[in-house]
Protein backbone atom coordinates (compact mmCIF):
# COMPACT_ATOMS: atom_id res chain seq x y z
CA UNK A 1 -26.83 -2.25 -77.51
CA UNK A 2 -30.17 -0.49 -77.68
CA UNK A 3 -33.21 -2.72 -76.88
CA UNK A 4 -35.36 -3.64 -79.84
CA UNK A 5 -39.07 -2.93 -79.24
CA UNK A 6 -39.99 -5.82 -81.52
CA UNK A 7 -38.37 -8.26 -79.06
CA UNK A 8 -40.30 -6.97 -76.03
CA UNK A 9 -43.22 -9.37 -76.44
CA UNK A 10 -40.92 -12.40 -76.46
CA UNK A 11 -38.71 -11.11 -73.67
CA UNK A 12 -41.30 -9.60 -71.32
CA UNK A 13 -44.73 -10.75 -72.49
CA UNK A 14 -45.11 -13.62 -70.02
CA UNK A 15 -44.05 -11.46 -67.07
CA UNK A 16 -46.40 -8.63 -68.07
CA UNK A 17 -49.28 -11.07 -68.56
CA UNK A 18 -48.78 -12.67 -65.12
CA UNK A 19 -48.55 -9.21 -63.52
CA UNK A 20 -51.80 -8.11 -65.17
CA UNK A 21 -53.60 -11.39 -64.47
CA UNK A 22 -52.77 -11.21 -60.77
CA UNK A 23 -54.42 -7.81 -60.55
CA UNK A 24 -57.33 -8.15 -62.97
CA UNK A 25 -58.14 -11.86 -62.45
CA UNK A 26 -59.47 -12.11 -65.99
CA UNK A 27 -57.32 -13.64 -68.71
CA UNK A 28 -58.95 -11.69 -71.55
CA UNK A 29 -58.53 -8.36 -69.79
CA UNK A 30 -54.95 -9.23 -68.89
CA UNK A 31 -54.19 -10.02 -72.54
CA UNK A 32 -55.82 -6.76 -73.62
CA UNK A 33 -53.88 -4.54 -71.21
CA UNK A 34 -50.59 -6.22 -72.13
CA UNK A 35 -51.35 -5.63 -75.81
CA UNK A 36 -52.26 -1.99 -75.09
CA UNK A 37 -49.04 -1.62 -73.10
CA UNK A 38 -46.86 -2.90 -75.92
CA UNK A 39 -48.67 -0.75 -78.48
CA UNK A 40 -48.28 2.34 -76.29
CA UNK A 41 -44.58 1.59 -75.83
CA UNK A 42 -44.00 1.18 -79.56
CA UNK A 43 -46.05 4.28 -80.47
CA UNK A 44 -44.24 6.42 -77.90
CA UNK A 45 -40.55 5.57 -78.17
CA UNK A 46 -39.45 7.71 -75.23
CA UNK A 47 -37.56 4.91 -73.55
CA UNK A 48 -34.41 6.68 -72.41
CA UNK A 49 -32.73 3.64 -70.87
CA UNK A 50 -32.81 5.12 -67.36
CA UNK A 51 -34.32 1.79 -66.32
CA UNK A 52 -34.67 -1.64 -67.83
CA UNK A 53 -37.26 -2.14 -70.59
CA UNK A 54 -39.19 -4.46 -68.24
CA UNK A 55 -39.42 -1.78 -65.55
CA UNK A 56 -40.52 0.80 -68.10
CA UNK A 57 -43.12 -1.55 -69.62
CA UNK A 58 -44.42 -2.49 -66.15
CA UNK A 59 -44.92 1.20 -65.40
CA UNK A 60 -47.00 1.58 -68.55
CA UNK A 61 -48.88 -1.62 -67.71
CA UNK A 62 -49.79 -0.33 -64.24
CA UNK A 63 -51.48 2.67 -65.84
CA UNK A 64 -53.34 0.45 -68.31
CA UNK A 65 -54.56 -1.75 -65.44
CA UNK A 66 -55.76 1.32 -63.55
CA UNK A 67 -57.62 2.51 -66.65
CA UNK A 68 -59.25 -0.90 -66.98
CA UNK A 69 -60.32 -0.91 -63.31
CA UNK A 70 -61.73 2.61 -63.61
CA UNK A 71 -63.80 1.55 -66.58
CA UNK A 72 -65.13 -1.48 -64.72
CA UNK A 73 -66.04 0.53 -61.63
CA UNK A 74 -67.98 3.02 -63.70
CA UNK A 75 -69.99 0.26 -65.31
CA UNK A 76 -70.98 -1.76 -62.21
CA UNK A 77 -73.80 -0.67 -59.89
CA UNK A 78 -72.83 -0.38 -56.24
CA UNK A 79 -75.41 -3.02 -55.32
CA UNK A 80 -73.28 -5.61 -57.13
CA UNK A 81 -70.14 -4.90 -55.14
CA UNK A 82 -70.98 -7.60 -52.64
CA UNK A 83 -72.82 -10.88 -52.72
CA UNK A 84 -76.00 -10.99 -50.65
CA UNK A 85 -74.75 -13.80 -48.39
CA UNK A 86 -71.72 -11.70 -47.43
CA UNK A 87 -73.66 -8.47 -46.90
CA UNK A 88 -74.48 -9.12 -43.24
CA UNK A 89 -71.31 -8.38 -41.32
CA UNK A 90 -73.24 -7.87 -38.07
CA UNK A 91 -72.58 -11.47 -37.10
CA UNK A 92 -68.98 -10.49 -36.29
CA UNK A 93 -69.99 -7.91 -33.65
CA UNK A 94 -72.13 -7.74 -30.54
CA UNK A 95 -74.67 -5.00 -29.76
CA UNK A 96 -71.92 -2.75 -28.36
CA UNK A 97 -69.87 -2.93 -31.55
CA UNK A 98 -67.15 -5.17 -30.13
CA UNK A 99 -66.05 -8.46 -31.63
CA UNK A 100 -68.59 -11.20 -30.90
CA UNK A 101 -65.71 -13.64 -31.15
CA UNK A 102 -62.19 -12.26 -31.33
CA UNK A 103 -60.22 -13.14 -34.46
CA UNK A 104 -57.94 -16.09 -34.06
CA UNK A 105 -54.33 -15.18 -33.46
CA UNK A 106 -51.92 -16.24 -36.17
CA UNK A 107 -48.79 -17.19 -34.30
CA UNK A 108 -46.34 -17.00 -37.18
CA UNK A 109 -47.80 -15.07 -40.14
CA UNK A 110 -44.48 -15.18 -42.00
CA UNK A 111 -44.42 -18.97 -41.87
CA UNK A 112 -48.11 -19.20 -42.83
CA UNK A 113 -47.52 -17.07 -45.91
CA UNK A 114 -44.73 -19.37 -47.02
CA UNK A 115 -46.95 -22.43 -46.95
CA UNK A 116 -48.37 -23.25 -50.33
CA UNK A 117 -51.60 -24.54 -48.79
CA UNK A 118 -52.29 -21.16 -47.22
CA UNK A 119 -51.54 -19.36 -50.47
CA UNK A 120 -53.88 -21.68 -52.33
CA UNK A 121 -56.69 -21.04 -49.87
CA UNK A 122 -56.01 -17.30 -49.90
CA UNK A 123 -56.20 -17.31 -53.70
CA UNK A 124 -59.51 -19.21 -53.56
CA UNK A 125 -60.86 -16.69 -51.05
CA UNK A 126 -59.72 -13.80 -53.27
CA UNK A 127 -61.48 -15.38 -56.25
CA UNK A 128 -64.73 -15.49 -54.25
CA UNK A 129 -64.60 -11.74 -53.68
CA UNK A 130 -66.44 -9.52 -56.13
CA UNK A 131 -63.92 -8.18 -58.60
CA UNK A 132 -64.09 -4.59 -57.35
CA UNK A 133 -63.47 -5.60 -53.74
CA UNK A 134 -60.57 -7.81 -54.78
CA UNK A 135 -59.13 -4.92 -56.80
CA UNK A 136 -59.21 -2.43 -53.94
CA UNK A 137 -57.81 -5.03 -51.51
CA UNK A 138 -54.97 -5.84 -53.93
CA UNK A 139 -54.19 -2.16 -54.49
CA UNK A 140 -54.04 -1.46 -50.75
CA UNK A 141 -52.55 -4.63 -49.29
CA UNK A 142 -50.49 -6.10 -52.14
CA UNK A 143 -49.44 -3.05 -54.14
CA UNK A 144 -49.25 -0.95 -50.94
CA UNK A 145 -50.96 2.05 -52.52
CA UNK A 146 -52.01 4.91 -50.26
CA UNK A 147 -55.73 5.46 -49.70
CA UNK A 148 -55.69 8.85 -51.41
CA UNK A 149 -54.11 7.32 -54.49
CA UNK A 150 -56.66 4.47 -54.54
CA UNK A 151 -59.52 6.97 -54.30
CA UNK A 152 -58.05 8.98 -57.16
CA UNK A 153 -57.45 5.92 -59.33
CA UNK A 154 -60.89 4.40 -58.76
CA UNK A 155 -62.63 7.80 -58.65
CA UNK A 156 -64.37 7.05 -55.37
CA UNK A 157 -64.69 8.88 -52.09
CA UNK A 158 -62.58 8.02 -49.08
CA UNK A 159 -65.71 6.74 -47.34
CA UNK A 160 -66.52 4.38 -50.20
CA UNK A 161 -62.93 3.17 -50.27
CA UNK A 162 -62.96 2.39 -46.54
CA UNK A 163 -66.31 0.59 -46.82
CA UNK A 164 -65.14 -1.48 -49.78
CA UNK A 165 -61.83 -2.30 -48.10
CA UNK A 166 -63.64 -3.22 -44.88
CA UNK A 167 -65.99 -5.54 -46.76
CA UNK A 168 -63.10 -7.17 -48.60
CA UNK A 169 -61.19 -7.74 -45.37
CA UNK A 170 -64.24 -9.12 -43.54
CA UNK A 171 -65.07 -11.47 -46.41
CA UNK A 172 -61.49 -12.69 -46.59
CA UNK A 173 -61.36 -13.11 -42.84
CA UNK A 174 -64.56 -15.15 -42.86
CA UNK A 175 -63.35 -17.30 -45.75
CA UNK A 176 -59.92 -17.87 -44.21
CA UNK A 177 -61.35 -18.76 -40.82
CA UNK A 178 -63.68 -21.29 -42.42
CA UNK A 179 -61.05 -22.82 -44.69
CA UNK A 180 -57.71 -22.34 -42.95
């Protein structure tokens, strides 16, 4: 039986919304990209049933999320990418460029990830990041995108990507060490 596009919102809407919300961290934007995804799918009925409708819709949604992130990055000045209190990362290093205090070893990272308390604190730390830094961190570390692809998607240079990713990691590290 061929899937009915009019049932896609009921069948896949919640999943698509959660997927978008996890990446955009804004409920209104998540709703918008899900709506744009469903409209694009209905307007372009090229679904050939080589995959499930959910997989196909998620593929469309990923592109809509990338478009949304590109738009946001074009509209935000670079000076707003990081809060002033997080801008000084020199406190982590000594005058020779080595760690002032080595990062704490996490004995069992797999077990730590499974603990709901850690995930709650990690989510809180992610929410404290500026949206652009959280986006690039999510693309690289959660979605496992290659650096070249991230640069292409966000229309930034490799240097800017590395700086933004470094700042995101350092901010998360600082937050996790203080709260975990």
